[in-house]
PDB file of N, CA and C in Angstrom:
ATOM      1  N   MET A   1      -0.743   3.528 -13.224  1.00  0.00           N
ATOM      2  CA  MET A   1       0.305   3.553 -12.943  1.00  0.00           C
ATOM      3  C   MET A   1       1.787   3.284 -14.147  1.00  0.00           C
ATOM      4  N   LEU A   2       1.096   2.677 -15.218  1.00  0.00           N
ATOM      5  CA  LEU A   2       1.867   2.228 -16.137  1.00  0.00           C
ATOM      6  C   LEU A   2       2.647   3.429 -16.810  1.00  0.00           C
ATOM      7  N   PRO A   3       1.899   4.370 -17.242  1.00  0.00           N
ATOM      8  CA  PRO A   3       2.816   5.525 -17.576  1.00  0.00           C
ATOM      9  C   PRO A   3       3.645   5.655 -16.866  1.00  0.00           C
ATOM     10  N   ALA A   4       3.534   6.090 -15.775  1.00  0.00           N
ATOM     11  CA  ALA A   4       4.732   6.657 -14.688  1.00  0.00           C
ATOM     12  C   ALA A   4       5.741   5.377 -14.912  1.00  0.00           C
ATOM     13  N   ILE A   5       5.508   4.312 -14.649  1.00  0.00           N
ATOM     14  CA  ILE A   5       6.494   3.280 -14.863  1.00  0.00           C
ATOM     15  C   ILE A   5       7.411   2.737 -15.922  1.00  0.00           C
ATOM     16  N   GLU A   6       6.699   3.227 -17.112  1.00  0.00           N
ATOM     17  CA  GLU A   6       7.210   3.094 -18.514  1.00  0.00           C
ATOM     18  C   GLU A   6       8.320   4.352 -18.547  1.00  0.00           C
ATOM     19  N   TYR A   7       7.570   5.619 -18.198  1.00  0.00           N
ATOM     20  CA  TYR A   7       8.405   6.941 -18.353  1.00  0.00           C
ATOM     21  C   TYR A   7       9.784   6.897 -17.251  1.00  0.00           C
ATOM     22  N   ALA A   8       9.413   6.197 -16.052  1.00  0.00           N
ATOM     23  CA  ALA A   8      10.583   6.367 -15.212  1.00  0.00           C
ATOM     24  C   ALA A   8      11.672   5.155 -15.790  1.00  0.00           C
ATOM     25  N   LYS A   9      11.287   4.115 -16.537  1.00  0.00           N
ATOM     26  CA  LYS A   9      12.107   3.022 -16.975  1.00  0.00           C
ATOM     27  C   LYS A   9      12.675   3.629 -18.305  1.00  0.00           C
ATOM     28  N   GLU A  10      12.163   4.331 -19.094  1.00  0.00           N
ATOM     29  CA  GLU A  10      12.606   4.998 -19.896  1.00  0.00           C
ATOM     30  C   GLU A  10      13.863   6.042 -19.589  1.00  0.00           C
ATOM     31  N   HIS A  11      13.756   6.749 -18.700  1.00  0.00           N
ATOM     32  CA  HIS A  11      14.549   8.081 -18.376  1.00  0.00           C
ATOM     33  C   HIS A  11      15.419   7.524 -17.135  1.00  0.00           C
ATOM     34  N   GLY A  12      15.394   6.159 -16.629  1.00  0.00           N
ATOM     35  CA  GLY A  12      16.228   5.945 -15.826  1.00  0.00           C
ATOM     36  C   GLY A  12      16.114   6.485 -14.083  1.00  0.00           C
ATOM     37  N   LEU A  13      14.803   6.789 -13.942  1.00  0.00           N
ATOM     38  CA  LEU A  13      14.029   7.602 -12.875  1.00  0.00           C
ATOM     39  C   LEU A  13      13.936   5.974 -11.688  1.00  0.00           C
ATOM     40  N   LYS A  14      14.023   6.648 -10.769  1.00  0.00           N
ATOM     41  CA  LYS A  14      13.042   5.695  -9.556  1.00  0.00           C
ATOM     42  C   LYS A  14      11.871   6.396  -9.133  1.00  0.00           C
ATOM     43  N   LEU A  15      11.008   5.650  -8.987  1.00  0.00           N
ATOM     44  CA  LEU A  15       9.645   6.202  -8.844  1.00  0.00           C
ATOM     45  C   LEU A  15       9.168   6.010  -7.197  1.00  0.00           C
ATOM     46  N   TYR A  16       8.677   6.914  -6.432  1.00  0.00           N
ATOM     47  CA  TYR A  16       8.343   6.760  -4.771  1.00  0.00           C
ATOM     48  C   TYR A  16       6.678   7.257  -5.208  1.00  0.00           C
ATOM     49  N   CYS A  17       5.927   6.545  -4.266  1.00  0.00           N
ATOM     50  CA  CYS A  17       4.389   6.695  -3.942  1.00  0.00           C
ATOM     51  C   CYS A  17       4.544   7.017  -2.813  1.00  0.00           C
ATOM     52  N   GLY A  18       4.338   8.427  -2.648  1.00  0.00           N
ATOM     53  CA  GLY A  18       3.969   8.842  -1.033  1.00  0.00           C
ATOM     54  C   GLY A  18       2.981   8.779  -0.045  1.00  0.00           C
ATOM     55  N   GLU A  19       1.791   8.494  -0.360  1.00  0.00           N
ATOM     56  CA  GLU A  19       0.974   7.995   0.260  1.00  0.00           C
ATOM     57  C   GLU A  19      -0.101   7.317  -0.592  1.00  0.00           C
ATOM     58  N   TRP A  20      -0.250   6.220  -0.028  1.00  0.00           N
ATOM     59  CA  TRP A  20      -1.600   5.134  -0.595  1.00  0.00           C
ATOM     60  C   TRP A  20      -2.336   4.336   0.331  1.00  0.00           C
ATOM     61  N   GLY A  21      -3.497   4.205   0.302  1.00  0.00           N
ATOM     62  CA  GLY A  21      -4.486   3.224   1.220  1.00  0.00           C
ATOM     63  C   GLY A  21      -5.138   3.345   0.963  1.00  0.00           C
ATOM     64  N   THR A  22      -6.115   2.698   1.731  1.00  0.00           N
ATOM     65  CA  THR A  22      -7.846   2.826   1.356  1.00  0.00           C
ATOM     66  C   THR A  22      -8.448   2.900   2.839  1.00  0.00           C
ATOM     67  N   MET A  23      -9.763   3.618   2.717  1.00  0.00           N
ATOM     68  CA  MET A  23     -10.337   4.058   3.908  1.00  0.00           C
ATOM     69  C   MET A  23     -11.169   2.652   4.541  1.00  0.00           C
ATOM     70  N   LYS A  24     -11.018   2.882   5.941  1.00  0.00           N
ATOM     71  CA  LYS A  24     -11.649   1.447   6.661  1.00  0.00           C
ATOM     72  C   LYS A  24     -12.995   0.961   6.261  1.00  0.00           C
ATOM     73  N   THR A  25     -13.985   1.852   5.912  1.00  0.00           N
ATOM     74  CA  THR A  25     -15.166   1.816   5.242  1.00  0.00           C
ATOM     75  C   THR A  25     -15.081   0.909   4.312  1.00  0.00           C
ATOM     76  N   MET A  26     -14.028   0.616   3.317  1.00  0.00           N
ATOM     77  CA  MET A  26     -14.216  -0.491   2.357  1.00  0.00           C
ATOM     78  C   MET A  26     -14.215  -2.060   3.106  1.00  0.00           C
ATOM     79  N   PRO A  27     -14.842  -2.937   2.517  1.00  0.00           N
ATOM     80  CA  PRO A  27     -14.767  -3.881   2.697  1.00  0.00           C
ATOM     81  C   PRO A  27     -13.537  -4.975   3.233  1.00  0.00           C
ATOM     82  N   LYS A  28     -13.616  -5.465   4.302  1.00  0.00           N
ATOM     83  CA  LYS A  28     -12.116  -6.058   4.645  1.00  0.00           C
ATOM     84  C   LYS A  28     -11.730  -6.902   3.934  1.00  0.00           C
ATOM     85  N   LYS A  29     -12.037  -7.787   3.161  1.00  0.00           N
ATOM     86  CA  LYS A  29     -11.731  -8.541   2.184  1.00  0.00           C
ATOM     87  C   LYS A  29     -11.455  -8.045   0.891  1.00  0.00           C
ATOM     88  N   MET A  30     -12.178  -6.926   0.615  1.00  0.00           N
ATOM     89  CA  MET A  30     -11.369  -5.905  -0.769  1.00  0.00           C
ATOM     90  C   MET A  30     -10.098  -5.449  -0.421  1.00  0.00           C
ATOM     91  N   ARG A  31     -10.304  -4.703   0.519  1.00  0.00           N
ATOM     92  CA  ARG A  31      -9.194  -3.834   1.266  1.00  0.00           C
ATOM     93  C   ARG A  31      -8.070  -4.806   1.496  1.00  0.00           C
ATOM     94  N   LEU A  32      -7.888  -5.671   2.277  1.00  0.00           N
ATOM     95  CA  LEU A  32      -6.821  -6.307   2.108  1.00  0.00           C
ATOM     96  C   LEU A  32      -6.459  -6.948   0.732  1.00  0.00           C
ATOM     97  N   LYS A  33      -7.130  -7.120  -0.310  1.00  0.00           N
ATOM     98  CA  LYS A  33      -6.807  -7.736  -1.919  1.00  0.00           C
ATOM     99  C   LYS A  33      -6.184  -6.470  -1.996  1.00  0.00           C
ATOM    100  N   TRP A  34      -6.827  -5.463  -1.960  1.00  0.00           N
ATOM    101  CA  TRP A  34      -5.863  -4.114  -2.727  1.00  0.00           C
ATOM    102  C   TRP A  34      -4.713  -3.588  -2.119  1.00  0.00           C
ATOM    103  N   TYR A  35      -4.483  -4.041  -0.949  1.00  0.00           N
ATOM    104  CA  TYR A  35      -3.161  -3.825  -0.199  1.00  0.00           C
ATOM    105  C   TYR A  35      -2.296  -4.875  -0.856  1.00  0.00           C
ATOM    106  N   GLN A  36      -2.682  -5.943  -1.110  1.00  0.00           N
ATOM    107  CA  GLN A  36      -1.737  -7.280  -1.420  1.00  0.00           C
ATOM    108  C   GLN A  36      -1.463  -6.610  -2.760  1.00  0.00           C
ATOM    109  N   ASP A  37      -2.041  -6.311  -3.597  1.00  0.00           N
ATOM    110  CA  ASP A  37      -2.206  -5.978  -5.010  1.00  0.00           C
ATOM    111  C   ASP A  37      -1.397  -4.956  -5.424  1.00  0.00           C
ATOM    112  N   MET A  38      -1.178  -3.455  -4.277  1.00  0.00           N
ATOM    113  CA  MET A  38      -0.438  -2.726  -4.314  1.00  0.00           C
ATOM    114  C   MET A  38       0.929  -2.995  -3.967  1.00  0.00           C
ATOM    115  N   SER A  39       0.971  -3.757  -3.112  1.00  0.00           N
ATOM    116  CA  SER A  39       2.193  -4.124  -2.610  1.00  0.00           C
ATOM    117  C   SER A  39       3.126  -4.827  -3.419  1.00  0.00           C
ATOM    118  N   ASP A  40       2.325  -5.948  -3.893  1.00  0.00           N
ATOM    119  CA  ASP A  40       2.984  -6.616  -4.990  1.00  0.00           C
ATOM    120  C   ASP A  40       3.489  -5.945  -6.363  1.00  0.00           C
ATOM    121  N   ILE A  41       2.760  -4.975  -6.774  1.00  0.00           N
ATOM    122  CA  ILE A  41       3.271  -3.950  -8.009  1.00  0.00           C
ATOM    123  C   ILE A  41       4.474  -3.300  -7.592  1.00  0.00           C
ATOM    124  N   PHE A  42       4.214  -2.685  -6.183  1.00  0.00           N
ATOM    125  CA  PHE A  42       5.627  -1.624  -5.759  1.00  0.00           C
ATOM    126  C   PHE A  42       6.834  -2.480  -5.673  1.00  0.00           C
ATOM    127  N   ALA A  43       6.583  -3.662  -5.387  1.00  0.00           N
ATOM    128  CA  ALA A  43       7.833  -4.786  -5.252  1.00  0.00           C
ATOM    129  C   ALA A  43       8.271  -5.013  -6.545  1.00  0.00           C
ATOM    130  N   GLU A  44       7.591  -5.766  -7.632  1.00  0.00           N
ATOM    131  CA  GLU A  44       7.990  -6.162  -8.655  1.00  0.00           C
ATOM    132  C   GLU A  44       8.542  -4.581  -9.539  1.00  0.00           C
ATOM    133  N   GLU A  45       8.136  -3.726  -9.338  1.00  0.00           N
ATOM    134  CA  GLU A  45       8.507  -2.316  -9.912  1.00  0.00           C
ATOM    135  C   GLU A  45       9.510  -1.556  -9.538  1.00  0.00           C
ATOM    136  N   GLY A  46      10.145  -2.036  -8.395  1.00  0.00           N
ATOM    137  CA  GLY A  46      11.125  -1.366  -7.348  1.00  0.00           C
ATOM    138  C   GLY A  46      10.297   0.031  -7.040  1.00  0.00           C
ATOM    139  N   ILE A  47       9.177   0.142  -6.822  1.00  0.00           N
ATOM    140  CA  ILE A  47       8.805   1.706  -6.486  1.00  0.00           C
ATOM    141  C   ILE A  47       8.766   1.547  -4.887  1.00  0.00           C
ATOM    142  N   GLU A  48       9.496   2.659  -4.228  1.00  0.00           N
ATOM    143  CA  GLU A  48       9.154   2.671  -2.779  1.00  0.00           C
ATOM    144  C   GLU A  48       8.179   3.496  -2.367  1.00  0.00           C
ATOM    145  N   ASN A  49       7.620   3.433  -1.112  1.00  0.00           N
ATOM    146  CA  ASN A  49       6.269   3.780  -1.149  1.00  0.00           C
ATOM    147  C   ASN A  49       6.000   3.829   0.862  1.00  0.00           C
ATOM    148  N   ALA A  50       4.983   4.703   0.787  1.00  0.00           N
ATOM    149  CA  ALA A  50       4.583   4.856   2.383  1.00  0.00           C
ATOM    150  C   ALA A  50       2.997   4.797   2.250  1.00  0.00           C
ATOM    151  N   ILE A  51       2.503   4.358   3.435  1.00  0.00           N
ATOM    152  CA  ILE A  51       0.996   4.213   3.565  1.00  0.00           C
ATOM    153  C   ILE A  51       0.562   5.649   3.805  1.00  0.00           C
ATOM    154  N   TRP A  52      -0.711   5.703   3.937  1.00  0.00           N
ATOM    155  CA  TRP A  52      -1.246   6.979   4.108  1.00  0.00           C
ATOM    156  C   TRP A  52      -1.012   7.106   6.001  1.00  0.00           C
ATOM    157  N   ALA A  53      -1.408   6.480   6.742  1.00  0.00           N
ATOM    158  CA  ALA A  53      -1.766   6.766   8.067  1.00  0.00           C
ATOM    159  C   ALA A  53      -1.757   5.141   8.930  1.00  0.00           C
ATOM    160  N   TYR A  54      -1.499   5.391  10.210  1.00  0.00           N
ATOM    161  CA  TYR A  54      -1.062   4.179  10.592  1.00  0.00           C
ATOM    162  C   TYR A  54      -2.164   4.149  11.440  1.00  0.00           C
ATOM    163  N   LYS A  55      -3.070   5.232  12.144  1.00  0.00           N
ATOM    164  CA  LYS A  55      -4.269   5.298  12.534  1.00  0.00           C
ATOM    165  C   LYS A  55      -4.969   6.400  11.844  1.00  0.00           C
ATOM    166  N   SER A  56      -6.282   6.303  11.913  1.00  0.00           N
ATOM    167  CA  SER A  56      -7.228   7.169  11.205  1.00  0.00           C
ATOM    168  C   SER A  56      -8.121   6.359  10.610  1.00  0.00           C
ATOM    169  N   SER A  57      -8.994   7.267   9.507  1.00  0.00           N
ATOM    170  CA  SER A  57      -9.635   6.735   8.640  1.00  0.00           C
ATOM    171  C   SER A  57      -9.164   5.806   7.421  1.00  0.00           C
ATOM    172  N   PHE A  58      -7.571   5.991   7.397  1.00  0.00           N
ATOM    173  CA  PHE A  58      -7.105   5.278   6.392  1.00  0.00           C
ATOM    174  C   PHE A  58      -6.051   4.385   7.366  1.00  0.00           C
ATOM    175  N   GLY A  59      -6.283   4.439   8.369  1.00  0.00           N
ATOM    176  CA  GLY A  59      -5.111   3.815   9.183  1.00  0.00           C
ATOM    177  C   GLY A  59      -5.106   1.917   8.759  1.00  0.00           C
ATOM    178  N   ILE A  60      -4.357   1.344   9.183  1.00  0.00           N
ATOM    179  CA  ILE A  60      -4.055   0.132   9.335  1.00  0.00           C
ATOM    180  C   ILE A  60      -4.387  -0.631  10.709  1.00  0.00           C
ATOM    181  N   ARG A  61      -5.403   0.229  11.696  1.00  0.00           N
ATOM    182  CA  ARG A  61      -5.298  -0.443  12.893  1.00  0.00           C
ATOM    183  C   ARG A  61      -6.974  -0.657  12.479  1.00  0.00           C
ATOM    184  N   SER A  62      -7.301  -1.536  13.788  1.00  0.00           N
ATOM    185  CA  SER A  62      -8.647  -2.174  13.746  1.00  0.00           C
ATOM    186  C   SER A  62      -9.554  -0.830  13.483  1.00  0.00           C
ATOM    187  N   ASP A  63     -10.892  -0.922  13.453  1.00  0.00           N
ATOM    188  CA  ASP A  63     -11.982  -0.218  13.670  1.00  0.00           C
ATOM    189  C   ASP A  63     -11.851   1.043  14.532  1.00  0.00           C
ATOM    190  N   ASP A  64     -11.898   0.497  15.870  1.00  0.00           N
ATOM    191  CA  ASP A  64     -12.023   1.056  16.892  1.00  0.00           C
ATOM    192  C   ASP A  64     -10.356   1.490  17.252  1.00  0.00           C
ATOM    193  N   ASN A  65      -9.383   1.435  16.349  1.00  0.00           N
ATOM    194  CA  ASN A  65      -7.979   1.944  16.752  1.00  0.00           C
ATOM    195  C   ASN A  65      -7.198   1.252  17.941  1.00  0.00           C
ATOM    196  N   SER A  66      -7.671  -0.120  18.298  1.00  0.00           N
ATOM    197  CA  SER A  66      -7.244  -0.658  19.548  1.00  0.00           C
ATOM    198  C   SER A  66      -6.066  -1.634  19.274  1.00  0.00           C
ATOM    199  N   VAL A  67      -6.205  -2.407  18.098  1.00  0.00           N
ATOM    200  CA  VAL A  67      -5.052  -3.278  17.554  1.00  0.00           C
ATOM    201  C   VAL A  67      -4.996  -3.150  16.082  1.00  0.00           C
ATOM    202  N   ALA A  68      -3.334  -3.328  15.695  1.00  0.00           N
ATOM    203  CA  ALA A  68      -3.220  -3.521  14.428  1.00  0.00           C
ATOM    204  C   ALA A  68      -3.891  -4.424  13.520  1.00  0.00           C
ATOM    205  N   TYR A  69      -3.987  -4.301  12.691  1.00  0.00           N
ATOM    206  CA  TYR A  69      -4.765  -5.054  11.692  1.00  0.00           C
ATOM    207  C   TYR A  69      -3.609  -5.751  10.825  1.00  0.00           C
ATOM    208  N   GLN A  70      -3.405  -7.223  11.382  1.00  0.00           N
ATOM    209  CA  GLN A  70      -2.006  -7.933  11.346  1.00  0.00           C
ATOM    210  C   GLN A  70      -1.899  -8.023   9.685  1.00  0.00           C
ATOM    211  N   GLU A  71      -3.012  -8.691   9.262  1.00  0.00           N
ATOM    212  CA  GLU A  71      -3.063  -8.784   7.727  1.00  0.00           C
ATOM    213  C   GLU A  71      -2.584  -7.917   6.597  1.00  0.00           C
ATOM    214  N   LEU A  72      -2.914  -6.955   7.202  1.00  0.00           N
ATOM    215  CA  LEU A  72      -2.736  -5.444   6.307  1.00  0.00           C
ATOM    216  C   LEU A  72      -1.171  -5.472   6.340  1.00  0.00           C
ATOM    217  N   ILE A  73      -0.770  -5.584   7.877  1.00  0.00           N
ATOM    218  CA  ILE A  73       0.810  -5.242   7.642  1.00  0.00           C
ATOM    219  C   ILE A  73       1.293  -6.369   7.265  1.00  0.00           C
ATOM    220  N   ASP A  74       0.912  -7.591   7.060  1.00  0.00           N
ATOM    221  CA  ASP A  74       1.606  -8.469   6.389  1.00  0.00           C
ATOM    222  C   ASP A  74       1.448  -8.513   4.881  1.00  0.00           C
ATOM    223  N   ALA A  75       0.355  -7.905   4.346  1.00  0.00           N
ATOM    224  CA  ALA A  75       0.630  -7.417   2.981  1.00  0.00           C
ATOM    225  C   ALA A  75       1.208  -6.433   2.467  1.00  0.00           C
ATOM    226  N   ILE A  76       1.663  -5.282   3.384  1.00  0.00           N
ATOM    227  CA  ILE A  76       2.428  -4.427   3.266  1.00  0.00           C
ATOM    228  C   ILE A  76       4.102  -4.836   3.543  1.00  0.00           C
ATOM    229  N   LEU A  77       4.187  -5.514   4.090  1.00  0.00           N
ATOM    230  CA  LEU A  77       5.500  -5.896   4.639  1.00  0.00           C
ATOM    231  C   LEU A  77       5.491  -7.525   4.265  1.00  0.00           C
ATOM    232  N   PRO A  78       5.285  -7.973   3.009  1.00  0.00           N
ATOM    233  CA  PRO A  78       5.478  -9.531   3.028  1.00  0.00           C
ATOM    234  C   PRO A  78       6.836  -9.808   3.446  1.00  0.00           C
ATOM    235  N   ASP A  79       7.800  -9.306   2.993  1.00  0.00           N
ATOM    236  CA  ASP A  79       9.461  -9.813   3.062  1.00  0.00           C
ATOM    237  C   ASP A  79       9.852  -9.690   4.453  1.00  0.00           C
ATOM    238  N   LYS A  80       9.222  -8.852   5.588  1.00  0.00           N
ATOM    239  CA  LYS A  80       9.458  -8.643   6.807  1.00  0.00           C
ATOM    240  C   LYS A  80       8.862  -9.757   7.956  1.00  0.00           C
TER     241      LYS A  80
END
């Protein structure tokens, strides 16, 4: 992401990451850390963003889609 961040800063542009996330097959601990790290980078660099999906193989719902994975939601929306 650094080349895009540097280019945007040099040219006074805003960045937007339209789709990001991980598949549910990724180990839960690693998945949560990745969401936290990405959210931190987006916040620090002022990058607007949107995750891939609420439900599906990239969703932030539980494996059976019955409940939201609250830890992921907290990682994505730390100031909410």
